[in-house]
C-alpha atoms as a PDB file:
ATOM      1  CA  MET A   1     -12.548   7.106  44.944  1.00  0.00           C
ATOM      2  CA  PHE A   2     -10.339   6.457  42.692  1.00  0.00           C
ATOM      3  CA  LYS A   3     -13.456   3.440  41.208  1.00  0.00           C
ATOM      4  CA  ARG A   4     -14.412   7.406  41.235  1.00  0.00           C
ATOM      5  CA  PHE A   5     -11.530   7.486  39.161  1.00  0.00           C
ATOM      6  CA  LEU A   6     -12.560   5.312  36.352  1.00  0.00           C
ATOM      7  CA  ARG A   7     -16.449   5.704  36.304  1.00  0.00           C
ATOM      8  CA  VAL A   8     -17.131   6.135  32.448  1.00  0.00           C
ATOM      9  CA  THR A   9     -18.958   9.799  31.546  1.00  0.00           C
ATOM     10  CA  ASP A  10     -22.321   8.676  29.878  1.00  0.00           C
ATOM     11  CA  VAL A  11     -21.935   9.789  25.853  1.00  0.00           C
ATOM     12  CA  PRO A  12     -23.466   9.365  23.434  1.00  0.00           C
ATOM     13  CA  PHE A  13     -23.638   5.548  21.515  1.00  0.00           C
ATOM     14  CA  SER A  14     -22.354   7.532  18.107  1.00  0.00           C
ATOM     15  CA  ALA A  15     -18.834   9.377  20.302  1.00  0.00           C
ATOM     16  CA  SER A  16     -18.414   6.195  21.604  1.00  0.00           C
ATOM     17  CA  ILE A  17     -17.577   3.996  18.140  1.00  0.00           C
ATOM     18  CA  GLY A  18     -15.499   7.293  17.972  1.00  0.00           C
ATOM     19  CA  LEU A  19     -13.746   6.734  20.930  1.00  0.00           C
ATOM     20  CA  LEU A  20     -13.577   3.699  20.220  1.00  0.00           C
ATOM     21  CA  ALA A  21     -11.994   3.430  17.112  1.00  0.00           C
ATOM     22  CA  LEU A  22      -9.483   6.078  17.994  1.00  0.00           C
ATOM     23  CA  ARG A  23      -8.439   3.891  20.893  1.00  0.00           C
ATOM     24  CA  VAL A  24      -7.641   0.986  18.840  1.00  0.00           C
ATOM     25  CA  VAL A  25      -5.549   2.858  16.157  1.00  0.00           C
ATOM     26  CA  ILE A  26      -3.674   5.014  18.211  1.00  0.00           C
ATOM     27  CA  GLY A  27      -3.836   2.304  20.774  1.00  0.00           C
ATOM     28  CA  ALA A  28      -2.153  -0.512  18.315  1.00  0.00           C
ATOM     29  CA  ALA A  29       0.378   2.549  16.598  1.00  0.00           C
ATOM     30  CA  PHE A  30       1.672   2.804  20.989  1.00  0.00           C
ATOM     31  CA  MET A  31       1.898  -0.630  21.094  1.00  0.00           C
ATOM     32  CA  PHE A  32       4.196  -0.628  17.969  1.00  0.00           C
ATOM     33  CA  HIS A  33       6.593   2.817  19.169  1.00  0.00           C
ATOM     34  CA  GLY A  34       6.955   1.046  22.394  1.00  0.00           C
ATOM     35  CA  TRP A  35       7.522  -2.636  21.519  1.00  0.00           C
ATOM     36  CA  GLY A  36      11.356  -2.023  20.524  1.00  0.00           C
ATOM     37  CA  LYS A  37      11.758  -0.397  24.454  1.00  0.00           C
ATOM     38  CA  ILE A  38       9.145  -2.028  25.909  1.00  0.00           C
ATOM     39  CA  GLN A  39      12.330  -4.990  25.309  1.00  0.00           C
ATOM     40  CA  HIS A  40      14.443  -2.984  26.758  1.00  0.00           C
ATOM     41  CA  PRO A  41      13.925  -1.133  29.275  1.00  0.00           C
ATOM     42  CA  PHE A  42      16.359   1.546  30.598  1.00  0.00           C
ATOM     43  CA  SER A  43      18.402   1.069  27.745  1.00  0.00           C
ATOM     44  CA  TRP A  44      16.710   1.299  24.727  1.00  0.00           C
ATOM     45  CA  MET A  45      18.226   5.782  24.301  1.00  0.00           C
ATOM     46  CA  PRO A  46      21.318   5.989  23.231  1.00  0.00           C
ATOM     47  CA  ALA A  47      23.916   6.113  25.776  1.00  0.00           C
ATOM     48  CA  GLY A  48      24.252  10.065  27.485  1.00  0.00           C
ATOM     49  CA  ALA A  49      21.066  10.710  26.556  1.00  0.00           C
ATOM     50  CA  PRO A  50      19.878  12.920  29.777  1.00  0.00           C
ATOM     51  CA  VAL A  51      17.547  10.735  31.108  1.00  0.00           C
ATOM     52  CA  PRO A  52      18.138   7.624  33.565  1.00  0.00           C
ATOM     53  CA  GLY A  53      17.261   4.490  32.640  1.00  0.00           C
ATOM     54  CA  PHE A  54      14.406   5.016  34.856  1.00  0.00           C
ATOM     55  CA  LEU A  55      12.654   6.681  33.313  1.00  0.00           C
ATOM     56  CA  GLN A  56      13.507   4.590  30.141  1.00  0.00           C
ATOM     57  CA  ALA A  57      11.331   2.218  31.645  1.00  0.00           C
ATOM     58  CA  LEU A  58       8.310   3.621  32.536  1.00  0.00           C
ATOM     59  CA  ALA A  59       8.281   5.182  29.172  1.00  0.00           C
ATOM     60  CA  ALA A  60       8.307   1.894  27.536  1.00  0.00           C
ATOM     61  CA  LEU A  61       6.130   0.933  30.361  1.00  0.00           C
ATOM     62  CA  SER A  62       4.074   3.471  29.089  1.00  0.00           C
ATOM     63  CA  GLU A  63       3.399   3.164  25.308  1.00  0.00           C
ATOM     64  CA  PHE A  64       3.441  -0.587  25.512  1.00  0.00           C
ATOM     65  CA  GLY A  65       1.345  -1.343  28.180  1.00  0.00           C
ATOM     66  CA  GLY A  66      -1.099   2.104  27.807  1.00  0.00           C
ATOM     67  CA  GLY A  67      -1.378   1.481  24.543  1.00  0.00           C
ATOM     68  CA  LEU A  68      -3.254  -2.045  25.609  1.00  0.00           C
ATOM     69  CA  ALA A  69      -5.006  -0.488  27.714  1.00  0.00           C
ATOM     70  CA  TRP A  70      -6.449   2.560  25.793  1.00  0.00           C
ATOM     71  CA  ILE A  71      -7.567  -0.931  22.810  1.00  0.00           C
ATOM     72  CA  LEU A  72      -9.238  -2.925  25.952  1.00  0.00           C
ATOM     73  CA  GLY A  73     -10.012   0.352  27.256  1.00  0.00           C
ATOM     74  CA  LEU A  74      -9.000  -0.178  30.702  1.00  0.00           C
ATOM     75  CA  LEU A  75      -8.122   1.930  32.763  1.00  0.00           C
ATOM     76  CA  THR A  76      -7.693   4.873  30.277  1.00  0.00           C
ATOM     77  CA  PRO A  77      -7.328   7.847  32.567  1.00  0.00           C
ATOM     78  CA  LEU A  78      -3.877   5.374  33.886  1.00  0.00           C
ATOM     79  CA  ALA A  79      -3.097   5.080  30.337  1.00  0.00           C
ATOM     80  CA  SER A  80      -3.804   8.920  28.721  1.00  0.00           C
ATOM     81  CA  LEU A  81      -2.044  10.204  32.240  1.00  0.00           C
ATOM     82  CA  GLY A  82       0.873   8.203  31.901  1.00  0.00           C
ATOM     83  CA  LEU A  83       1.372   8.690  27.919  1.00  0.00           C
ATOM     84  CA  ALA A  84       0.446  12.782  28.673  1.00  0.00           C
ATOM     85  CA  VAL A  85       3.533  12.541  30.942  1.00  0.00           C
ATOM     86  CA  THR A  86       4.608  11.055  28.103  1.00  0.00           C
ATOM     87  CA  MET A  87       4.162  13.395  25.367  1.00  0.00           C
ATOM     88  CA  ALA A  88       4.297  15.684  27.312  1.00  0.00           C
ATOM     89  CA  VAL A  89       8.863  14.903  27.650  1.00  0.00           C
ATOM     90  CA  ALA A  90       9.497  13.571  23.926  1.00  0.00           C
ATOM     91  CA  THR A  91       7.634  17.257  22.883  1.00  0.00           C
ATOM     92  CA  ALA A  92      10.181  19.189  25.281  1.00  0.00           C
ATOM     93  CA  MET A  93      12.901  17.274  24.000  1.00  0.00           C
ATOM     94  CA  HIS A  94      12.195  18.135  20.383  1.00  0.00           C
ATOM     95  CA  VAL A  95      11.340  21.511  20.671  1.00  0.00           C
ATOM     96  CA  SER A  96      14.547  21.380  23.133  1.00  0.00           C
ATOM     97  CA  GLN A  97      16.269  19.965  20.646  1.00  0.00           C
ATOM     98  CA  GLY A  98      15.497  23.089  17.559  1.00  0.00           C
ATOM     99  CA  ASP A  99      13.361  21.013  16.217  1.00  0.00           C
ATOM    100  CA  PRO A 100      10.053  22.714  13.800  1.00  0.00           C
ATOM    101  CA  PHE A 101       6.170  21.444  14.376  1.00  0.00           C
ATOM    102  CA  VAL A 102       6.318  20.214  10.824  1.00  0.00           C
ATOM    103  CA  SER A 103       9.676  18.127   8.603  1.00  0.00           C
ATOM    104  CA  MET A 104      10.127  16.929   5.190  1.00  0.00           C
ATOM    105  CA  GLY A 105      11.925  14.424   6.460  1.00  0.00           C
ATOM    106  CA  GLY A 106      14.001  15.324   9.762  1.00  0.00           C
ATOM    107  CA  HIS A 107      13.884  15.131  13.440  1.00  0.00           C
ATOM    108  CA  SER A 108      10.196  17.259  14.603  1.00  0.00           C
ATOM    109  CA  TYR A 109       7.337  17.301  16.741  1.00  0.00           C
ATOM    110  CA  GLU A 110       4.460  16.264  15.207  1.00  0.00           C
ATOM    111  CA  ALA A 111       4.227  12.469  16.482  1.00  0.00           C
ATOM    112  CA  ALA A 112       4.560  13.690  19.905  1.00  0.00           C
ATOM    113  CA  ALA A 113       2.736  16.672  20.696  1.00  0.00           C
ATOM    114  CA  VAL A 114      -0.099  15.369  18.365  1.00  0.00           C
ATOM    115  CA  TYR A 115      -0.459  12.321  20.667  1.00  0.00           C
ATOM    116  CA  LEU A 116       0.131  15.044  23.626  1.00  0.00           C
ATOM    117  CA  GLY A 117      -2.975  16.175  22.059  1.00  0.00           C
ATOM    118  CA  ILE A 118      -4.459  13.107  22.069  1.00  0.00           C
ATOM    119  CA  SER A 119      -3.693  11.771  25.433  1.00  0.00           C
ATOM    120  CA  LEU A 120      -5.037  14.899  26.258  1.00  0.00           C
ATOM    121  CA  ALA A 121      -8.327  13.927  24.984  1.00  0.00           C
ATOM    122  CA  LEU A 122      -8.476  10.824  26.241  1.00  0.00           C
ATOM    123  CA  LEU A 123      -7.899  11.786  29.848  1.00  0.00           C
ATOM    124  CA  LEU A 124     -10.720  14.442  30.219  1.00  0.00           C
ATOM    125  CA  VAL A 125     -13.724  12.369  28.053  1.00  0.00           C
ATOM    126  CA  GLY A 126     -13.034   8.695  28.728  1.00  0.00           C
ATOM    127  CA  PRO A 127     -13.125   5.453  26.381  1.00  0.00           C
ATOM    128  CA  GLY A 128     -17.453   5.840  25.630  1.00  0.00           C
ATOM    129  CA  ARG A 129     -19.580   3.266  26.393  1.00  0.00           C
ATOM    130  CA  LEU A 130     -17.163   0.608  24.081  1.00  0.00           C
ATOM    131  CA  SER A 131     -15.057  -0.210  27.241  1.00  0.00           C
ATOM    132  CA  ALA A 132     -13.903  -2.584  30.029  1.00  0.00           C
ATOM    133  CA  ASP A 133     -14.097   0.865  31.798  1.00  0.00           C
ATOM    134  CA  ALA A 134     -17.475   1.109  31.633  1.00  0.00           C
ATOM    135  CA  ALA A 135     -18.625  -2.892  31.828  1.00  0.00           C
ATOM    136  CA  ILE A 136     -16.213  -2.871  34.616  1.00  0.00           C
ATOM    137  CA  PHE A 137     -16.709   0.883  36.747  1.00  0.00           C
ATOM    138  CA  GLY A 138     -20.170   2.253  35.239  1.00  0.00           C
ATOM    139  CA  THR A 139     -21.595   5.151  33.681  1.00  0.00           C
ATOM    140  CA  LYS A 140     -21.205   8.791  34.748  1.00  0.00           C
ATOM    141  CA  ARG A 141     -25.403  10.053  34.798  1.00  0.00           C
END
């Protein structure tokens, strides 16, 4: 069952190139965002933050590990799910604080919402043919 979940939907080769570019660029961004967090996984948020250390560690792992998984195209649905949940929480936290969608220098939820959209797209579409998932688990026809 799990192996079937990881099979890659057969998409045109040109779409696979686009998905590869998206995975590498956004995966690298997530790794950079997660790098500082993974150094102190249980305490990267300010003291008194409403998020327990365990959930902070899951977010740090999701960002750094999920970014690496996207770059490789390995376990893409699992990485995408973790990143989507992390970005949904980030977006909700910004919205609950009254942050605007776009801001000229202040806090906003634009980046979290964009990353959430990309996470959902990769969760639904998959990593494409140019991925470790395709090489290991094959493609759905």
